[in-house]
Amino acid sequence: MSGLAAKRLQQLRTVIEELDVQQAHARMQSGAVLIDIRDPDETAAGLPTAAHALPRGALELKIEQVAEQDSEVLLLCGSGQRSLLAAANLRELGYSRVASVSGGYAAWKNAELPVNVPNRMDPLARQRYSRQMILDDIGEDGQQQLQQAKVLVVGAGGLGCPASLYLAAAGVGQLTLIDADKVELSNLHRQVLHGSLSVGQPKVRSASERLRQLNPEVQIRAIEGRLNTDNVAELVAEHDVIVDGADNLATRYLLNAATVAAGKPLVYAAVERFEAQVSVFWPQADNGPWPCYRCLFPYPPPPEAAPNCAEAGVLGVVPGIVGLLQANETLKILLRIGQPLTGRLLCFDARQSSWRELRLPVDPQCPGCGENRSAVDEIVSCRG
C-alpha cells in the first residue's frame, strides 16, 4: 500500500466508526443492515448469514435497494480497508449511520460467526444462462431458484408448447407435462414442440423429447393421461406454479378448485380464432385477496358458447403469443419480480395487434373462492 493510501485510511479511521466482527454481529441482531461489498468471485466462497451481497462497484447505485438513508449500515469487505473507503462515500450520499467491519470477512470467518456458502453453478450452466443471470433481478441466486422450481403444465398443445419451451430454456428445474392426446397433423401449425415425424405419438412423449434436446439439465416428467379428481390435488401440491394450457372447461374448473384449495398460482390463458386472454388466478397472493377463475366465469357456459379450436378455428401464432406470456408470468412468480397479472385480464386481438387490460374484482359470492365455494368433486359435473 502506498504511503498516500495508508494516510487516507488513517484519516478515515478518525471519522468512520469501526466495529469488530462480534460487535457487528450484535448490531445485526438489533436491526442493522450488513452489506458485503466484495466481488462475486469472493462471495462465492461464502458470506455472512443475512448479509446483502452488493459489490463495491455497484454500491452507490444500488444501496437504496437494501437500506434507507436513516438505516444503520455496516459494510464488510475482505480485510476492512475497502469498507472504510466505501463508508466514506456513503456518508457523502447522506448515510450518517454507517460503519466499517474491521478485519472483514476473514475475521468474521475466523470468529466462527454464521456463514452461508452458496451452491456453485457448474461452468456449463453458468454459460447457458449467462444472458439472464446478468440481469439485476435474477443473478446467480435467481437462477438457482429457477433450478429448484417445479412447474406443472396442463396440456401439451397450443398453449403448453410455447410455455414449456421457454420455461425449459430459462432453466426451470422440473417440468411436468400432462396430456392424453396424440399428435395430429392439424396440430402442427400452432403446437411448436411437435413435428411431422411426431404425428401419431402421444403429445407428452413428443414434447418431452424436444424439451430434453433443448435443455438436458431440466427434468421432464411426462404423464400420458387426463387431469381428474383422482390426481389433481396431488399434482398441484407437488408444484410451485400451475400453467393452464387445457382445451376443455371441465379441466379449467377442476384446476381452479385445486389451486384455490392449495394456495398455488394458476397461470391462465385461452384462445379463440384471432383473440386471446391471459391472467393469473391466485387469491392468496401478496396484497390480496385476488380473484380466482370463477370470479370471472362463475359457471361453465353451454357447449355451443365455448367452441374448441377444431370448431371455431385459430390463427397459429395467437396461442404462441399468449403461451409466452404464460411463461413470463410463471418466471416472474418464481423469481418474485415485477407484478403478476393477479386481478387483471390481458386481452389480445391479433387482427388489430391491440391489447386491452381489464380489472377483475373479487366476487364475495364466488362459487370458487367465496364463502360458499363448491367442493372439487362437484366440478366434475361440468365435464362434457
Protein backbone atom coordinates (compact mmCIF):
# COMPACT_ATOMS: atom_id res chain seq x y z
CA MET A 1 0.00 0.00 0.00
CA SER A 2 1.34 3.43 -0.89
CA GLY A 3 2.02 5.98 1.78
CA LEU A 4 -0.75 8.20 0.41
CA ALA A 5 -3.32 5.41 0.61
CA ALA A 6 -2.22 4.49 4.14
CA LYS A 7 -2.57 8.13 5.19
CA ARG A 8 -6.07 8.29 3.69
CA LEU A 9 -7.14 5.17 5.63
CA GLN A 10 -5.73 6.60 8.82
CA GLN A 11 -7.74 9.80 8.30
CA LEU A 12 -10.91 7.83 7.71
CA ARG A 13 -10.45 5.91 10.94
CA THR A 14 -10.87 9.19 12.81
CA VAL A 15 -14.30 9.84 11.31
CA ILE A 16 -15.72 6.42 10.38
CA GLU A 17 -16.80 4.07 13.14
CA GLU A 18 -15.10 0.68 13.04
CA LEU A 19 -16.62 -2.38 14.66
CA ASP A 20 -15.07 -5.74 15.33
CA VAL A 21 -16.99 -8.71 13.97
CA GLN A 22 -18.64 -9.56 17.30
CA GLN A 23 -19.94 -6.02 17.65
CA ALA A 24 -21.17 -6.09 14.05
CA HIS A 25 -23.00 -9.37 14.63
CA ALA A 26 -24.66 -7.94 17.74
CA ARG A 27 -25.72 -4.80 15.85
CA MET A 28 -27.30 -7.00 13.16
CA GLN A 29 -29.44 -8.64 15.84
CA SER A 30 -30.71 -5.15 16.66
CA GLY A 31 -31.66 -4.37 13.08
CA ALA A 32 -28.50 -3.07 11.42
CA VAL A 33 -28.07 -3.89 7.72
CA LEU A 34 -24.86 -5.73 6.87
CA ILE A 35 -23.65 -5.27 3.28
CA ASP A 36 -20.85 -7.43 1.91
CA ILE A 37 -19.14 -5.29 -0.76
CA ARG A 38 -16.75 -7.94 -2.06
CA ASP A 39 -16.84 -9.00 -5.69
CA PRO A 40 -18.96 -12.02 -6.75
CA ASP A 41 -15.91 -14.26 -7.14
CA GLU A 42 -15.09 -13.55 -3.48
CA THR A 43 -18.59 -14.01 -2.06
CA ALA A 44 -18.92 -17.29 -3.99
CA ALA A 45 -16.79 -18.85 -1.24
CA GLY A 46 -19.27 -17.67 1.41
CA LEU A 47 -20.74 -14.56 3.00
CA PRO A 48 -22.12 -13.73 6.46
CA THR A 49 -25.60 -15.09 7.09
CA ALA A 50 -28.28 -12.43 6.45
CA ALA A 51 -25.77 -10.12 4.74
CA HIS A 52 -26.68 -8.42 1.47
CA ALA A 53 -24.18 -9.04 -1.32
CA LEU A 54 -23.62 -5.74 -3.14
CA PRO A 55 -20.27 -5.40 -4.95
CA ARG A 56 -18.25 -2.25 -4.30
CA GLY A 57 -18.64 -1.10 -7.90
CA ALA A 58 -22.44 -1.05 -7.60
CA LEU A 59 -22.78 0.12 -4.00
CA GLU A 60 -23.69 3.76 -4.57
CA LEU A 61 -26.03 2.90 -7.44
CA LYS A 62 -27.99 0.18 -5.63
CA ILE A 63 -27.69 0.96 -1.92
CA GLU A 64 -31.31 2.18 -1.87
CA GLN A 65 -32.48 -1.34 -2.77
CA VAL A 66 -31.27 -2.72 0.56
CA ALA A 67 -31.06 0.20 3.01
CA GLU A 68 -32.73 3.57 3.59
CA GLN A 69 -30.72 6.68 4.50
CA ASP A 70 -31.72 6.51 8.16
CA SER A 71 -30.80 2.81 8.43
CA GLU A 72 -27.77 1.66 10.37
CA VAL A 73 -25.46 0.28 7.67
CA LEU A 74 -22.46 -1.96 8.29
CA LEU A 75 -20.01 -2.52 5.44
CA LEU A 76 -17.81 -5.60 5.18
CA CYS A 77 -15.05 -6.41 2.69
CA GLY A 78 -12.16 -8.87 2.66
CA SER A 79 -9.99 -7.25 5.33
CA GLY A 80 -11.60 -3.96 6.35
CA GLN A 81 -9.93 -1.45 4.03
CA ARG A 82 -12.33 -1.23 1.09
CA SER A 83 -15.22 -0.99 3.54
CA LEU A 84 -13.67 2.11 5.15
CA LEU A 85 -13.39 3.86 1.79
CA ALA A 86 -16.92 2.79 0.83
CA ALA A 87 -18.31 4.04 4.15
CA ALA A 88 -16.87 7.48 3.45
CA ASN A 89 -18.61 7.57 0.09
CA LEU A 90 -21.94 6.54 1.64
CA ARG A 91 -21.65 9.33 4.19
CA GLU A 92 -21.36 11.78 1.32
CA LEU A 93 -24.66 10.34 0.00
CA GLY A 94 -26.37 11.09 3.30
CA TYR A 95 -25.97 7.78 5.13
CA SER A 96 -24.92 9.10 8.55
CA ARG A 97 -25.21 5.80 10.45
CA VAL A 98 -22.59 3.83 8.56
CA ALA A 99 -19.73 1.77 9.99
CA SER A 100 -16.95 -0.45 8.69
CA VAL A 101 -16.34 -4.01 9.95
CA SER A 102 -12.71 -4.31 10.98
CA GLY A 103 -10.93 -7.39 9.69
CA GLY A 104 -13.65 -8.05 7.11
CA TYR A 105 -14.82 -11.49 6.07
CA ALA A 106 -11.56 -13.11 7.15
CA ALA A 107 -12.14 -12.03 10.75
CA TRP A 108 -15.84 -12.96 10.55
CA LYS A 109 -15.00 -16.49 9.46
CA ASN A 110 -12.17 -16.86 12.00
CA ALA A 111 -14.61 -15.88 14.75
CA GLU A 112 -16.86 -18.76 13.59
CA LEU A 113 -19.83 -16.45 13.13
CA PRO A 114 -22.65 -17.78 10.90
CA VAL A 115 -21.80 -18.02 7.21
CA ASN A 116 -23.74 -19.10 4.13
CA VAL A 117 -21.82 -20.84 1.38
CA PRO A 118 -23.86 -20.58 -1.85
CA ASN A 119 -24.15 -23.54 -4.16
CA ARG A 120 -21.80 -23.05 -7.07
CA MET A 121 -23.21 -23.44 -10.56
CA ASP A 122 -21.20 -25.58 -12.90
CA PRO A 123 -19.45 -23.72 -15.75
CA LEU A 124 -21.77 -25.06 -18.46
CA ALA A 125 -24.88 -23.92 -16.60
CA ARG A 126 -23.29 -20.55 -15.96
CA GLN A 127 -22.61 -20.19 -19.68
CA ARG A 128 -26.09 -21.40 -20.71
CA TYR A 129 -27.91 -18.88 -18.53
CA SER A 130 -25.34 -16.08 -18.64
CA ARG A 131 -27.52 -13.60 -20.54
CA GLN A 132 -30.33 -13.70 -18.00
CA MET A 133 -28.06 -14.04 -14.96
CA ILE A 134 -26.52 -10.63 -15.67
CA LEU A 135 -29.93 -9.08 -15.02
CA ASP A 136 -30.01 -7.39 -11.61
CA ASP A 137 -33.32 -9.03 -10.70
CA ILE A 138 -32.03 -12.55 -11.38
CA GLY A 139 -28.30 -13.13 -10.88
CA GLU A 140 -26.96 -16.48 -9.73
CA ASP A 141 -29.33 -16.66 -6.75
CA GLY A 142 -32.36 -16.20 -9.00
CA GLN A 143 -31.10 -18.79 -11.46
CA GLN A 144 -30.70 -21.28 -8.64
CA GLN A 145 -34.27 -20.53 -7.55
CA LEU A 146 -35.43 -21.46 -11.05
CA GLN A 147 -33.38 -24.66 -10.97
CA GLN A 148 -35.13 -25.69 -7.76
CA ALA A 149 -38.63 -24.86 -9.04
CA LYS A 150 -41.31 -27.29 -10.19
CA VAL A 151 -43.94 -26.27 -12.73
CA LEU A 152 -46.98 -28.26 -13.84
CA VAL A 153 -48.04 -27.62 -17.45
CA VAL A 154 -51.54 -28.92 -18.13
CA GLY A 155 -51.79 -29.63 -21.83
CA ALA A 156 -49.04 -30.07 -24.42
CA GLY A 157 -50.93 -28.23 -27.15
CA GLY A 158 -51.13 -24.69 -28.45
CA LEU A 159 -50.51 -23.01 -25.09
CA GLY A 160 -48.47 -25.67 -23.31
CA CYS A 161 -45.95 -25.99 -26.14
CA PRO A 162 -44.63 -22.39 -26.20
CA ALA A 163 -44.93 -22.01 -22.42
CA SER A 164 -42.95 -25.17 -21.64
CA LEU A 165 -40.42 -24.43 -24.41
CA TYR A 166 -39.37 -21.15 -22.81
CA LEU A 167 -39.63 -22.42 -19.23
CA ALA A 168 -37.21 -25.21 -20.13
CA ALA A 169 -34.92 -22.75 -21.89
CA ALA A 170 -34.95 -20.49 -18.80
CA GLY A 171 -33.76 -23.36 -16.62
CA VAL A 172 -36.83 -24.28 -14.55
CA GLY A 173 -35.69 -27.38 -12.70
CA GLN A 174 -38.64 -29.69 -13.28
CA LEU A 175 -41.48 -29.51 -15.79
CA THR A 176 -44.37 -31.92 -15.52
CA LEU A 177 -46.48 -32.25 -18.67
CA ILE A 178 -49.88 -33.93 -18.57
CA ASP A 179 -51.94 -34.60 -21.71
CA ALA A 180 -53.92 -37.59 -23.00
CA ASP A 181 -53.93 -36.72 -26.72
CA LYS A 182 -51.78 -37.83 -29.63
CA VAL A 183 -50.21 -35.51 -32.18
CA GLU A 184 -52.34 -34.85 -35.27
CA LEU A 185 -51.30 -33.15 -38.49
CA SER A 186 -53.78 -30.33 -37.82
CA ASN A 187 -51.90 -29.52 -34.57
CA LEU A 188 -48.63 -28.59 -36.21
CA HIS A 189 -49.41 -25.03 -37.30
CA ARG A 190 -49.52 -23.93 -33.67
CA GLN A 191 -48.14 -26.70 -31.39
CA VAL A 192 -44.50 -25.96 -31.96
CA LEU A 193 -42.91 -28.72 -29.89
CA HIS A 194 -44.18 -31.35 -32.33
CA GLY A 195 -43.11 -32.09 -35.89
CA SER A 196 -44.29 -34.14 -38.85
CA LEU A 197 -42.47 -37.20 -37.55
CA SER A 198 -44.39 -36.88 -34.26
CA VAL A 199 -47.82 -37.46 -35.82
CA GLY A 200 -49.47 -40.36 -34.03
CA GLN A 201 -47.21 -40.15 -30.97
CA PRO A 202 -48.51 -39.15 -27.52
CA LYS A 203 -48.10 -35.40 -27.19
CA VAL A 204 -46.27 -35.65 -23.88
CA ARG A 205 -43.69 -38.01 -25.41
CA SER A 206 -43.09 -35.79 -28.42
CA ALA A 207 -42.89 -32.67 -26.25
CA SER A 208 -40.55 -34.31 -23.74
CA GLU A 209 -38.09 -35.36 -26.42
CA ARG A 210 -37.93 -31.84 -27.85
CA LEU A 211 -37.53 -30.22 -24.42
CA ARG A 212 -34.72 -32.59 -23.44
CA GLN A 213 -32.91 -31.73 -26.67
CA LEU A 214 -33.27 -28.05 -25.86
CA ASN A 215 -32.07 -28.32 -22.26
CA PRO A 216 -30.85 -31.65 -20.88
CA GLU A 217 -30.49 -30.10 -17.42
CA VAL A 218 -34.26 -29.83 -16.96
CA GLN A 219 -36.10 -32.82 -15.52
CA ILE A 220 -39.11 -33.60 -17.70
CA ARG A 221 -41.90 -35.70 -16.24
CA ALA A 222 -44.44 -36.84 -18.82
CA ILE A 223 -47.90 -38.05 -17.77
CA GLU A 224 -49.97 -39.52 -20.59
CA GLY A 225 -53.47 -39.13 -19.23
CA ARG A 226 -56.07 -36.63 -18.15
CA LEU A 227 -56.21 -34.43 -15.11
CA ASN A 228 -59.07 -35.64 -12.90
CA THR A 229 -60.29 -35.64 -9.33
CA ASP A 230 -58.07 -38.61 -8.53
CA ASN A 231 -54.76 -36.92 -9.39
CA VAL A 232 -55.34 -33.16 -9.41
CA ALA A 233 -54.78 -32.45 -5.71
CA GLU A 234 -51.51 -34.39 -5.54
CA LEU A 235 -50.15 -32.88 -8.74
CA VAL A 236 -50.98 -29.33 -7.69
CA ALA A 237 -49.45 -29.87 -4.25
CA GLU A 238 -46.16 -31.09 -5.77
CA HIS A 239 -45.59 -27.99 -7.91
CA ASP A 240 -44.89 -24.31 -7.31
CA VAL A 241 -46.82 -22.91 -10.28
CA ILE A 242 -49.53 -24.43 -12.48
CA VAL A 243 -49.78 -23.39 -16.14
CA ASP A 244 -53.27 -23.84 -17.59
CA GLY A 245 -53.00 -24.96 -21.20
CA ALA A 246 -56.17 -27.03 -21.06
CA ASP A 247 -58.51 -27.34 -24.04
CA ASN A 248 -61.74 -28.04 -22.14
CA LEU A 249 -63.78 -26.27 -19.48
CA ALA A 250 -64.02 -29.22 -17.12
CA THR A 251 -60.25 -29.21 -16.62
CA ARG A 252 -60.17 -25.45 -16.12
CA TYR A 253 -62.79 -25.55 -13.37
CA LEU A 254 -61.10 -28.53 -11.76
CA LEU A 255 -57.73 -26.76 -11.82
CA ASN A 256 -59.23 -23.65 -10.28
CA ALA A 257 -60.74 -25.60 -7.39
CA ALA A 258 -57.50 -27.44 -6.68
CA THR A 259 -55.22 -24.38 -6.90
CA VAL A 260 -57.50 -22.29 -4.69
CA ALA A 261 -57.56 -25.08 -2.10
CA ALA A 262 -53.75 -25.42 -2.21
CA GLY A 263 -53.00 -21.69 -2.39
CA LYS A 264 -50.99 -22.16 -5.60
CA PRO A 265 -50.83 -19.71 -8.54
CA LEU A 266 -52.73 -20.68 -11.69
CA VAL A 267 -51.38 -19.03 -14.85
CA TYR A 268 -54.33 -18.94 -17.23
CA ALA A 269 -54.74 -18.31 -20.95
CA ALA A 270 -57.45 -19.00 -23.50
CA VAL A 271 -57.59 -18.60 -27.27
CA GLU A 272 -60.35 -18.39 -29.85
CA ARG A 273 -59.87 -17.52 -33.52
CA PHE A 274 -57.83 -14.26 -33.58
CA GLU A 275 -58.26 -13.36 -29.91
CA ALA A 276 -56.79 -14.46 -26.61
CA GLN A 277 -56.66 -13.59 -22.94
CA VAL A 278 -54.23 -14.26 -20.12
CA SER A 279 -54.29 -13.75 -16.35
CA VAL A 280 -53.01 -15.14 -13.05
CA PHE A 281 -55.60 -16.56 -10.65
CA TRP A 282 -54.10 -16.65 -7.17
CA PRO A 283 -56.44 -15.42 -4.42
CA GLN A 284 -53.78 -15.85 -1.71
CA ALA A 285 -51.07 -13.79 -3.45
CA ASP A 286 -49.48 -10.82 -1.68
CA ASN A 287 -51.64 -7.72 -1.20
CA GLY A 288 -54.77 -9.80 -1.86
CA PRO A 289 -57.29 -11.23 -1.78
CA TRP A 290 -57.34 -11.58 -5.58
CA PRO A 291 -59.96 -13.17 -7.84
CA CYS A 292 -59.97 -16.77 -9.00
CA TYR A 293 -61.10 -18.14 -12.36
CA ARG A 294 -64.70 -18.48 -11.17
CA CYS A 295 -64.85 -14.83 -10.15
CA LEU A 296 -64.63 -14.25 -13.91
CA PHE A 297 -66.60 -17.29 -15.09
CA PRO A 298 -68.76 -18.49 -12.17
CA TYR A 299 -70.29 -21.39 -14.11
CA PRO A 300 -69.42 -23.08 -17.40
CA PRO A 301 -71.36 -21.82 -20.42
CA PRO A 302 -73.31 -24.21 -22.67
CA PRO A 303 -71.08 -26.17 -25.09
CA GLU A 304 -72.22 -24.18 -28.13
CA ALA A 305 -70.99 -20.96 -26.46
CA ALA A 306 -67.46 -22.30 -25.96
CA PRO A 307 -66.31 -23.98 -29.18
CA ASN A 308 -62.86 -25.56 -29.31
CA CYS A 309 -60.19 -24.87 -31.94
CA ALA A 310 -61.49 -27.61 -34.22
CA GLU A 311 -64.90 -25.92 -34.28
CA ALA A 312 -64.01 -22.21 -34.19
CA GLY A 313 -60.52 -22.20 -35.73
CA VAL A 314 -57.41 -20.39 -34.55
CA LEU A 315 -54.59 -18.37 -36.07
CA GLY A 316 -51.49 -20.36 -35.16
CA VAL A 317 -49.40 -17.51 -33.76
CA VAL A 318 -52.06 -16.42 -31.25
CA PRO A 319 -51.58 -19.27 -28.75
CA GLY A 320 -47.84 -18.80 -29.22
CA ILE A 321 -48.07 -15.15 -28.17
CA VAL A 322 -50.09 -15.75 -25.00
CA GLY A 323 -48.28 -19.02 -24.24
CA LEU A 324 -45.10 -16.98 -24.00
CA LEU A 325 -46.89 -14.56 -21.70
CA GLN A 326 -47.79 -17.53 -19.50
CA ALA A 327 -44.11 -18.45 -19.37
CA ASN A 328 -43.29 -14.84 -18.49
CA GLU A 329 -45.83 -14.77 -15.65
CA THR A 330 -44.51 -18.08 -14.35
CA LEU A 331 -40.93 -16.83 -14.28
CA LYS A 332 -42.00 -13.61 -12.54
CA ILE A 333 -43.76 -15.61 -9.84
CA LEU A 334 -40.83 -17.99 -9.32
CA LEU A 335 -38.31 -15.14 -9.18
CA ARG A 336 -40.60 -12.83 -7.19
CA ILE A 337 -40.05 -9.95 -9.58
CA GLY A 338 -42.48 -7.46 -11.06
CA GLN A 339 -46.23 -7.57 -10.58
CA PRO A 340 -48.10 -10.72 -11.64
CA LEU A 341 -51.35 -10.45 -13.60
CA THR A 342 -53.44 -11.00 -10.48
CA GLY A 343 -56.69 -9.07 -10.66
CA ARG A 344 -56.07 -8.23 -14.32
CA LEU A 345 -57.16 -9.82 -17.57
CA LEU A 346 -54.95 -9.04 -20.55
CA CYS A 347 -56.83 -9.35 -23.85
CA PHE A 348 -55.15 -9.58 -27.25
CA ASP A 349 -56.64 -9.08 -30.73
CA ALA A 350 -54.28 -10.33 -33.46
CA ARG A 351 -56.18 -8.60 -36.27
CA GLN A 352 -55.65 -5.18 -34.73
CA SER A 353 -52.41 -6.03 -32.90
CA SER A 354 -54.08 -4.44 -29.90
CA TRP A 355 -54.08 -5.13 -26.17
CA ARG A 356 -56.67 -4.30 -23.54
CA GLU A 357 -56.31 -4.70 -19.80
CA LEU A 358 -59.44 -5.32 -17.75
CA ARG A 359 -59.56 -5.11 -13.97
CA LEU A 360 -61.04 -8.19 -12.30
CA PRO A 361 -62.73 -7.71 -8.93
CA VAL A 362 -63.10 -10.37 -6.26
CA ASP A 363 -66.63 -11.78 -6.12
CA PRO A 364 -67.56 -12.33 -2.44
CA GLN A 365 -70.21 -14.84 -3.58
CA CYS A 366 -67.83 -16.65 -5.94
CA PRO A 367 -68.51 -20.41 -6.02
CA GLY A 368 -64.76 -20.95 -6.46
CA CYS A 369 -63.16 -18.83 -3.72
CA GLY A 370 -66.07 -17.28 -1.81
CA GLU A 371 -67.60 -18.36 1.46
CA ASN A 372 -69.81 -20.97 -0.20
CA ARG A 373 -67.25 -22.41 -2.59
CA SER A 374 -68.01 -25.69 -4.36
CA ALA A 375 -66.11 -28.83 -3.48
CA VAL A 376 -63.63 -30.12 -6.04
CA ASP A 377 -65.76 -33.22 -6.70
CA GLU A 378 -68.68 -31.06 -7.78
CA ILE A 379 -66.67 -29.62 -10.67
CA VAL A 380 -66.70 -32.96 -12.46
CA SER A 381 -70.34 -32.29 -13.35
CA CYS A 382 -69.21 -29.70 -15.92
CA ARG A 383 -67.21 -32.29 -17.89
CA GLY A 384 -68.64 -32.99 -21.27
